[in-house]
Amino acid sequence: MEASGLITTKRDPRDGRQRIIAPTAKARELQKAVRAYIDNQQKAMERQFDHRDLAAFDRVLAYFTTLNSDDPSQAGKESRS
């Protein structure tokens, strides 16, 4: 990330073993663009589907995520809202 210009690092003046990592202006601009993209995608989903469809999608996605996690035995044990 540092080579990409997204973060800067410097030694902590209080503890030379530690590094202080900070986002650059480039990273903050990228974050804004990504946030805008995600917001636009969310709005598009909400225009296309009603709250019941989105709730069903959330349940399916949660199940799929759990099924493919390190502990697939937990799949289907989520609370059904």
PDB file of N, CA and C in Angstrom:
ATOM      1  N   MET A   1       0.827  -1.190   0.000  1.00  0.00           N
ATOM      2  CA  MET A   1       0.000   0.000   0.000  1.00  0.00           C
ATOM      3  C   MET A   1       0.871   1.252   0.000  1.00  0.00           C
ATOM      4  N   GLU A   2       2.001   1.152   0.660  1.00  0.00           N
ATOM      5  CA  GLU A   2       2.899   2.299   0.670  1.00  0.00           C
ATOM      6  C   GLU A   2       3.450   2.548  -0.735  1.00  0.00           C
ATOM      7  N   ALA A   3       3.821   1.479  -1.435  1.00  0.00           N
ATOM      8  CA  ALA A   3       4.344   1.615  -2.799  1.00  0.00           C
ATOM      9  C   ALA A   3       3.286   2.186  -3.742  1.00  0.00           C
ATOM     10  N   SER A   4       2.025   1.951  -3.438  1.00  0.00           N
ATOM     11  CA  SER A   4       0.927   2.473  -4.256  1.00  0.00           C
ATOM     12  C   SER A   4       0.561   3.908  -3.893  1.00  0.00           C
ATOM     13  N   GLY A   5       1.201   4.437  -2.861  1.00  0.00           N
ATOM     14  CA  GLY A   5       0.923   5.806  -2.457  1.00  0.00           C
ATOM     15  C   GLY A   5      -0.332   5.968  -1.635  1.00  0.00           C
ATOM     16  N   LEU A   6      -0.790   4.872  -1.021  1.00  0.00           N
ATOM     17  CA  LEU A   6      -2.022   4.938  -0.234  1.00  0.00           C
ATOM     18  C   LEU A   6      -1.779   5.184   1.248  1.00  0.00           C
ATOM     19  N   ILE A   7      -0.575   4.848   1.724  1.00  0.00           N
ATOM     20  CA  ILE A   7      -0.241   5.067   3.131  1.00  0.00           C
ATOM     21  C   ILE A   7       1.175   5.617   3.243  1.00  0.00           C
ATOM     22  N   THR A   8       1.417   6.270   4.366  1.00  0.00           N
ATOM     23  CA  THR A   8       2.777   6.649   4.731  1.00  0.00           C
ATOM     24  C   THR A   8       3.093   5.939   6.037  1.00  0.00           C
ATOM     25  N   THR A   9       4.352   5.648   6.230  1.00  0.00           N
ATOM     26  CA  THR A   9       4.776   5.040   7.491  1.00  0.00           C
ATOM     27  C   THR A   9       5.971   5.817   8.021  1.00  0.00           C
ATOM     28  N   LYS A  10       6.035   5.893   9.336  1.00  0.00           N
ATOM     29  CA  LYS A  10       7.205   6.494   9.977  1.00  0.00           C
ATOM     30  C   LYS A  10       7.373   5.844  11.340  1.00  0.00           C
ATOM     31  N   ARG A  11       8.568   5.905  11.841  1.00  0.00           N
ATOM     32  CA  ARG A  11       8.837   5.337  13.160  1.00  0.00           C
ATOM     33  C   ARG A  11       8.157   6.176  14.232  1.00  0.00           C
ATOM     34  N   ASP A  12       7.642   5.487  15.220  1.00  0.00           N
ATOM     35  CA  ASP A  12       7.040   6.163  16.364  1.00  0.00           C
ATOM     36  C   ASP A  12       8.172   6.791  17.178  1.00  0.00           C
ATOM     37  N   PRO A  13       8.141   8.103  17.388  1.00  0.00           N
ATOM     38  CA  PRO A  13       9.240   8.732  18.131  1.00  0.00           C
ATOM     39  C   PRO A  13       9.313   8.284  19.592  1.00  0.00           C
ATOM     40  N   ARG A  14       8.210   7.772  20.126  1.00  0.00           N
ATOM     41  CA  ARG A  14       8.205   7.308  21.519  1.00  0.00           C
ATOM     42  C   ARG A  14       8.685   5.877  21.649  1.00  0.00           C
ATOM     43  N   ASP A  15       8.548   5.107  20.558  1.00  0.00           N
ATOM     44  CA  ASP A  15       8.945   3.697  20.589  1.00  0.00           C
ATOM     45  C   ASP A  15       9.421   3.328  19.188  1.00  0.00           C
ATOM     46  N   GLY A  16      10.711   3.352  18.987  1.00  0.00           N
ATOM     47  CA  GLY A  16      11.304   3.112  17.678  1.00  0.00           C
ATOM     48  C   GLY A  16      10.985   1.759  17.078  1.00  0.00           C
ATOM     49  N   ARG A  17      10.491   0.841  17.881  1.00  0.00           N
ATOM     50  CA  ARG A  17      10.105  -0.472  17.339  1.00  0.00           C
ATOM     51  C   ARG A  17       8.782  -0.406  16.597  1.00  0.00           C
ATOM     52  N   GLN A  18       8.006   0.596  16.912  1.00  0.00           N
ATOM     53  CA  GLN A  18       6.666   0.740  16.331  1.00  0.00           C
ATOM     54  C   GLN A  18       6.707   1.628  15.090  1.00  0.00           C
ATOM     55  N   ARG A  19       5.739   1.407  14.196  1.00  0.00           N
ATOM     56  CA  ARG A  19       5.585   2.247  13.008  1.00  0.00           C
ATOM     57  C   ARG A  19       4.211   2.910  13.071  1.00  0.00           C
ATOM     58  N   ILE A  20       4.152   4.152  12.667  1.00  0.00           N
ATOM     59  CA  ILE A  20       2.888   4.875  12.578  1.00  0.00           C
ATOM     60  C   ILE A  20       2.469   4.846  11.114  1.00  0.00           C
ATOM     61  N   ILE A  21       1.284   4.355  10.869  1.00  0.00           N
ATOM     62  CA  ILE A  21       0.764   4.228   9.509  1.00  0.00           C
ATOM     63  C   ILE A  21      -0.384   5.216   9.359  1.00  0.00           C
ATOM     64  N   ALA A  22      -0.359   5.976   8.272  1.00  0.00           N
ATOM     65  CA  ALA A  22      -1.409   6.974   8.042  1.00  0.00           C
ATOM     66  C   ALA A  22      -1.830   6.952   6.577  1.00  0.00           C
ATOM     67  N   PRO A  23      -3.126   7.142   6.323  1.00  0.00           N
ATOM     68  CA  PRO A  23      -3.582   7.201   4.928  1.00  0.00           C
ATOM     69  C   PRO A  23      -3.124   8.509   4.277  1.00  0.00           C
ATOM     70  N   THR A  24      -2.881   8.449   2.984  1.00  0.00           N
ATOM     71  CA  THR A  24      -2.502   9.639   2.220  1.00  0.00           C
ATOM     72  C   THR A  24      -3.757  10.302   1.654  1.00  0.00           C
ATOM     73  N   ALA A  25      -3.569  11.469   1.059  1.00  0.00           N
ATOM     74  CA  ALA A  25      -4.685  12.147   0.386  1.00  0.00           C
ATOM     75  C   ALA A  25      -5.238  11.253  -0.721  1.00  0.00           C
ATOM     76  N   LYS A  26      -4.356  10.546  -1.411  1.00  0.00           N
ATOM     77  CA  LYS A  26      -4.790   9.624  -2.471  1.00  0.00           C
ATOM     78  C   LYS A  26      -5.715   8.555  -1.893  1.00  0.00           C
ATOM     79  N   ALA A  27      -5.378   8.021  -0.732  1.00  0.00           N
ATOM     80  CA  ALA A  27      -6.209   6.994  -0.096  1.00  0.00           C
ATOM     81  C   ALA A  27      -7.553   7.569   0.323  1.00  0.00           C
ATOM     82  N   ARG A  28      -7.546   8.782   0.843  1.00  0.00           N
ATOM     83  CA  ARG A  28      -8.809   9.398   1.267  1.00  0.00           C
ATOM     84  C   ARG A  28      -9.720   9.660   0.066  1.00  0.00           C
ATOM     85  N   GLU A  29      -9.142  10.059  -1.052  1.00  0.00           N
ATOM     86  CA  GLU A  29      -9.935  10.252  -2.269  1.00  0.00           C
ATOM     87  C   GLU A  29     -10.487   8.922  -2.771  1.00  0.00           C
ATOM     88  N   LEU A  30      -9.667   7.887  -2.721  1.00  0.00           N
ATOM     89  CA  LEU A  30     -10.118   6.557  -3.132  1.00  0.00           C
ATOM     90  C   LEU A  30     -11.248   6.080  -2.229  1.00  0.00           C
ATOM     91  N   GLN A  31     -11.123   6.333  -0.935  1.00  0.00           N
ATOM     92  CA  GLN A  31     -12.175   5.951   0.006  1.00  0.00           C
ATOM     93  C   GLN A  31     -13.490   6.646  -0.339  1.00  0.00           C
ATOM     94  N   LYS A  32     -13.427   7.928  -0.678  1.00  0.00           N
ATOM     95  CA  LYS A  32     -14.640   8.661  -1.061  1.00  0.00           C
ATOM     96  C   LYS A  32     -15.276   8.045  -2.302  1.00  0.00           C
ATOM     97  N   ALA A  33     -14.445   7.708  -3.278  1.00  0.00           N
ATOM     98  CA  ALA A  33     -14.961   7.123  -4.522  1.00  0.00           C
ATOM     99  C   ALA A  33     -15.593   5.762  -4.261  1.00  0.00           C
ATOM    100  N   VAL A  34     -14.955   4.960  -3.435  1.00  0.00           N
ATOM    101  CA  VAL A  34     -15.490   3.630  -3.116  1.00  0.00           C
ATOM    102  C   VAL A  34     -16.794   3.767  -2.339  1.00  0.00           C
ATOM    103  N   ARG A  35     -16.817   4.684  -1.387  1.00  0.00           N
ATOM    104  CA  ARG A  35     -18.046   4.897  -0.602  1.00  0.00           C
ATOM    105  C   ARG A  35     -19.192   5.338  -1.514  1.00  0.00           C
ATOM    106  N   ALA A  36     -18.918   6.239  -2.457  1.00  0.00           N
ATOM    107  CA  ALA A  36     -19.950   6.699  -3.393  1.00  0.00           C
ATOM    108  C   ALA A  36     -20.437   5.544  -4.263  1.00  0.00           C
ATOM    109  N   TYR A  37     -19.515   4.699  -4.713  1.00  0.00           N
ATOM    110  CA  TYR A  37     -19.884   3.537  -5.526  1.00  0.00           C
ATOM    111  C   TYR A  37     -20.803   2.602  -4.735  1.00  0.00           C
ATOM    112  N   ILE A  38     -20.427   2.300  -3.504  1.00  0.00           N
ATOM    113  CA  ILE A  38     -21.230   1.403  -2.667  1.00  0.00           C
ATOM    114  C   ILE A  38     -22.602   2.020  -2.399  1.00  0.00           C
ATOM    115  N   ASP A  39     -22.642   3.311  -2.090  1.00  0.00           N
ATOM    116  CA  ASP A  39     -23.926   3.984  -1.854  1.00  0.00           C
ATOM    117  C   ASP A  39     -24.821   3.909  -3.088  1.00  0.00           C
ATOM    118  N   ASN A  40     -24.240   4.131  -4.262  1.00  0.00           N
ATOM    119  CA  ASN A  40     -25.016   4.053  -5.502  1.00  0.00           C
ATOM    120  C   ASN A  40     -25.538   2.644  -5.746  1.00  0.00           C
ATOM    121  N   GLN A  41     -24.723   1.644  -5.462  1.00  0.00           N
ATOM    122  CA  GLN A  41     -25.159   0.260  -5.626  1.00  0.00           C
ATOM    123  C   GLN A  41     -26.307  -0.060  -4.668  1.00  0.00           C
ATOM    124  N   GLN A  42     -26.190   0.407  -3.430  1.00  0.00           N
ATOM    125  CA  GLN A  42     -27.245   0.175  -2.443  1.00  0.00           C
ATOM    126  C   GLN A  42     -28.550   0.830  -2.884  1.00  0.00           C
ATOM    127  N   LYS A  43     -28.468   2.069  -3.356  1.00  0.00           N
ATOM    128  CA  LYS A  43     -29.671   2.775  -3.811  1.00  0.00           C
ATOM    129  C   LYS A  43     -30.310   2.064  -4.998  1.00  0.00           C
ATOM    130  N   ALA A  44     -29.491   1.561  -5.906  1.00  0.00           N
ATOM    131  CA  ALA A  44     -30.019   0.824  -7.062  1.00  0.00           C
ATOM    132  C   ALA A  44     -30.749  -0.435  -6.602  1.00  0.00           C
ATOM    133  N   MET A  45     -30.182  -1.143  -5.626  1.00  0.00           N
ATOM    134  CA  MET A  45     -30.840  -2.346  -5.094  1.00  0.00           C
ATOM    135  C   MET A  45     -32.175  -1.972  -4.450  1.00  0.00           C
ATOM    136  N   GLU A  46     -32.193  -0.887  -3.691  1.00  0.00           N
ATOM    137  CA  GLU A  46     -33.414  -0.471  -3.007  1.00  0.00           C
ATOM    138  C   GLU A  46     -34.486   0.004  -3.982  1.00  0.00           C
ATOM    139  N   ARG A  47     -34.086   0.543  -5.126  1.00  0.00           N
ATOM    140  CA  ARG A  47     -35.071   0.934  -6.147  1.00  0.00           C
ATOM    141  C   ARG A  47     -35.665  -0.301  -6.822  1.00  0.00           C
ATOM    142  N   GLN A  48     -34.868  -1.326  -6.979  1.00  0.00           N
ATOM    143  CA  GLN A  48     -35.290  -2.511  -7.726  1.00  0.00           C
ATOM    144  C   GLN A  48     -36.093  -3.498  -6.877  1.00  0.00           C
ATOM    145  N   PHE A  49     -35.761  -3.612  -5.587  1.00  0.00           N
ATOM    146  CA  PHE A  49     -36.356  -4.641  -4.728  1.00  0.00           C
ATOM    147  C   PHE A  49     -36.970  -4.015  -3.486  1.00  0.00           C
ATOM    148  N   ASP A  50     -38.072  -4.626  -3.012  1.00  0.00           N
ATOM    149  CA  ASP A  50     -38.680  -4.110  -1.790  1.00  0.00           C
ATOM    150  C   ASP A  50     -37.945  -4.672  -0.575  1.00  0.00           C
ATOM    151  N   HIS A  51     -38.341  -4.197   0.610  1.00  0.00           N
ATOM    152  CA  HIS A  51     -37.626  -4.576   1.831  1.00  0.00           C
ATOM    153  C   HIS A  51     -37.692  -6.076   2.107  1.00  0.00           C
ATOM    154  N   ARG A  52     -38.781  -6.739   1.717  1.00  0.00           N
ATOM    155  CA  ARG A  52     -38.878  -8.193   1.934  1.00  0.00           C
ATOM    156  C   ARG A  52     -37.865  -8.934   1.073  1.00  0.00           C
ATOM    157  N   ASP A  53     -37.738  -8.514  -0.188  1.00  0.00           N
ATOM    158  CA  ASP A  53     -36.754  -9.143  -1.073  1.00  0.00           C
ATOM    159  C   ASP A  53     -35.337  -8.939  -0.540  1.00  0.00           C
ATOM    160  N   LEU A  54     -35.057  -7.723  -0.092  1.00  0.00           N
ATOM    161  CA  LEU A  54     -33.717  -7.442   0.420  1.00  0.00           C
ATOM    162  C   LEU A  54     -33.443  -8.216   1.705  1.00  0.00           C
ATOM    163  N   ALA A  55     -34.458  -8.368   2.554  1.00  0.00           N
ATOM    164  CA  ALA A  55     -34.285  -9.153   3.781  1.00  0.00           C
ATOM    165  C   ALA A  55     -34.020 -10.616   3.440  1.00  0.00           C
ATOM    166  N   ALA A  56     -34.732 -11.139   2.444  1.00  0.00           N
ATOM    167  CA  ALA A  56     -34.502 -12.523   2.017  1.00  0.00           C
ATOM    168  C   ALA A  56     -33.091 -12.674   1.458  1.00  0.00           C
ATOM    169  N   PHE A  57     -32.665 -11.707   0.671  1.00  0.00           N
ATOM    170  CA  PHE A  57     -31.311 -11.735   0.124  1.00  0.00           C
ATOM    171  C   PHE A  57     -30.276 -11.728   1.242  1.00  0.00           C
ATOM    172  N   ASP A  58     -30.494 -10.898   2.260  1.00  0.00           N
ATOM    173  CA  ASP A  58     -29.576 -10.848   3.401  1.00  0.00           C
ATOM    174  C   ASP A  58     -29.480 -12.205   4.087  1.00  0.00           C
ATOM    175  N   ARG A  59     -30.620 -12.881   4.249  1.00  0.00           N
ATOM    176  CA  ARG A  59     -30.611 -14.199   4.889  1.00  0.00           C
ATOM    177  C   ARG A  59     -29.860 -15.215   4.040  1.00  0.00           C
ATOM    178  N   VAL A  60     -30.100 -15.205   2.734  1.00  0.00           N
ATOM    179  CA  VAL A  60     -29.407 -16.138   1.835  1.00  0.00           C
ATOM    180  C   VAL A  60     -27.909 -15.862   1.864  1.00  0.00           C
ATOM    181  N   LEU A  61     -27.536 -14.605   1.804  1.00  0.00           N
ATOM    182  CA  LEU A  61     -26.122 -14.248   1.813  1.00  0.00           C
ATOM    183  C   LEU A  61     -25.460 -14.645   3.132  1.00  0.00           C
ATOM    184  N   ALA A  62     -26.150 -14.432   4.252  1.00  0.00           N
ATOM    185  CA  ALA A  62     -25.609 -14.833   5.554  1.00  0.00           C
ATOM    186  C   ALA A  62     -25.421 -16.342   5.608  1.00  0.00           C
ATOM    187  N   TYR A  63     -26.389 -17.088   5.103  1.00  0.00           N
ATOM    188  CA  TYR A  63     -26.283 -18.546   5.075  1.00  0.00           C
ATOM    189  C   TYR A  63     -25.104 -18.967   4.211  1.00  0.00           C
ATOM    190  N   PHE A  64     -24.997 -18.403   3.015  1.00  0.00           N
ATOM    191  CA  PHE A  64     -23.921 -18.747   2.092  1.00  0.00           C
ATOM    192  C   PHE A  64     -22.558 -18.426   2.707  1.00  0.00           C
ATOM    193  N   THR A  65     -22.459 -17.260   3.350  1.00  0.00           N
ATOM    194  CA  THR A  65     -21.200 -16.861   3.974  1.00  0.00           C
ATOM    195  C   THR A  65     -20.816 -17.834   5.075  1.00  0.00           C
ATOM    196  N   THR A  66     -21.773 -18.197   5.921  1.00  0.00           N
ATOM    197  CA  THR A  66     -21.502 -19.146   6.997  1.00  0.00           C
ATOM    198  C   THR A  66     -21.162 -20.515   6.439  1.00  0.00           C
ATOM    199  N   LEU A  67     -21.879 -20.938   5.420  1.00  0.00           N
ATOM    200  CA  LEU A  67     -21.641 -22.236   4.804  1.00  0.00           C
ATOM    201  C   LEU A  67     -20.217 -22.340   4.269  1.00  0.00           C
ATOM    202  N   ASN A  68     -19.672 -21.238   3.814  1.00  0.00           N
ATOM    203  CA  ASN A  68     -18.332 -21.222   3.245  1.00  0.00           C
ATOM    204  C   ASN A  68     -17.282 -20.686   4.212  1.00  0.00           C
ATOM    205  N   SER A  69     -17.617 -20.633   5.488  1.00  0.00           N
ATOM    206  CA  SER A  69     -16.686 -20.135   6.494  1.00  0.00           C
ATOM    207  C   SER A  69     -15.845 -21.281   7.042  1.00  0.00           C
ATOM    208  N   ASP A  70     -15.059 -20.963   8.048  1.00  0.00           N
ATOM    209  CA  ASP A  70     -14.230 -21.977   8.691  1.00  0.00           C
ATOM    210  C   ASP A  70     -15.061 -22.975   9.485  1.00  0.00           C
ATOM    211  N   ASP A  71     -16.311 -22.625   9.802  1.00  0.00           N
ATOM    212  CA  ASP A  71     -17.174 -23.515  10.578  1.00  0.00           C
ATOM    213  C   ASP A  71     -18.528 -23.666   9.891  1.00  0.00           C
ATOM    214  N   PRO A  72     -18.569 -24.423   8.778  1.00  0.00           N
ATOM    215  CA  PRO A  72     -19.829 -24.565   8.045  1.00  0.00           C
ATOM    216  C   PRO A  72     -20.914 -25.287   8.830  1.00  0.00           C
ATOM    217  N   SER A  73     -20.566 -25.906   9.958  1.00  0.00           N
ATOM    218  CA  SER A  73     -21.594 -26.575  10.761  1.00  0.00           C
ATOM    219  C   SER A  73     -22.585 -25.571  11.333  1.00  0.00           C
ATOM    220  N   GLN A  74     -22.229 -24.291  11.333  1.00  0.00           N
ATOM    221  CA  GLN A  74     -23.112 -23.258  11.870  1.00  0.00           C
ATOM    222  C   GLN A  74     -24.132 -22.772  10.849  1.00  0.00           C
ATOM    223  N   ALA A  75     -24.015 -23.209   9.596  1.00  0.00           N
ATOM    224  CA  ALA A  75     -24.940 -22.771   8.546  1.00  0.00           C
ATOM    225  C   ALA A  75     -26.363 -23.153   8.921  1.00  0.00           C
ATOM    226  N   GLY A  76     -27.261 -22.225   8.779  1.00  0.00           N
ATOM    227  CA  GLY A  76     -28.662 -22.471   9.080  1.00  0.00           C
ATOM    228  C   GLY A  76     -29.027 -22.210  10.520  1.00  0.00           C
ATOM    229  N   LYS A  77     -28.038 -21.889  11.364  1.00  0.00           N
ATOM    230  CA  LYS A  77     -28.315 -21.654  12.778  1.00  0.00           C
ATOM    231  C   LYS A  77     -28.473 -20.173  13.097  1.00  0.00           C
ATOM    232  N   GLU A  78     -28.387 -19.308  12.058  1.00  0.00           N
ATOM    233  CA  GLU A  78     -28.582 -17.879  12.282  1.00  0.00           C
ATOM    234  C   GLU A  78     -30.035 -17.646  12.664  1.00  0.00           C
ATOM    235  N   SER A  79     -30.256 -16.542  13.358  1.00  0.00           N
ATOM    236  CA  SER A  79     -31.643 -16.217  13.687  1.00  0.00           C
ATOM    237  C   SER A  79     -32.365 -15.806  12.420  1.00  0.00           C
ATOM    238  N   ARG A  80     -33.589 -16.202  12.291  1.00  0.00           N
ATOM    239  CA  ARG A  80     -34.414 -15.852  11.127  1.00  0.00           C
ATOM    240  C   ARG A  80     -35.262 -14.655  11.492  1.00  0.00           C
ATOM    241  N   SER A  81     -35.002 -13.519  10.854  1.00  0.00           N
ATOM    242  CA  SER A  81     -35.805 -12.331  11.174  1.00  0.00           C
ATOM    243  C   SER A  81     -36.809 -12.048  10.101  1.00  0.00           C
TER     244      SER A  81
END
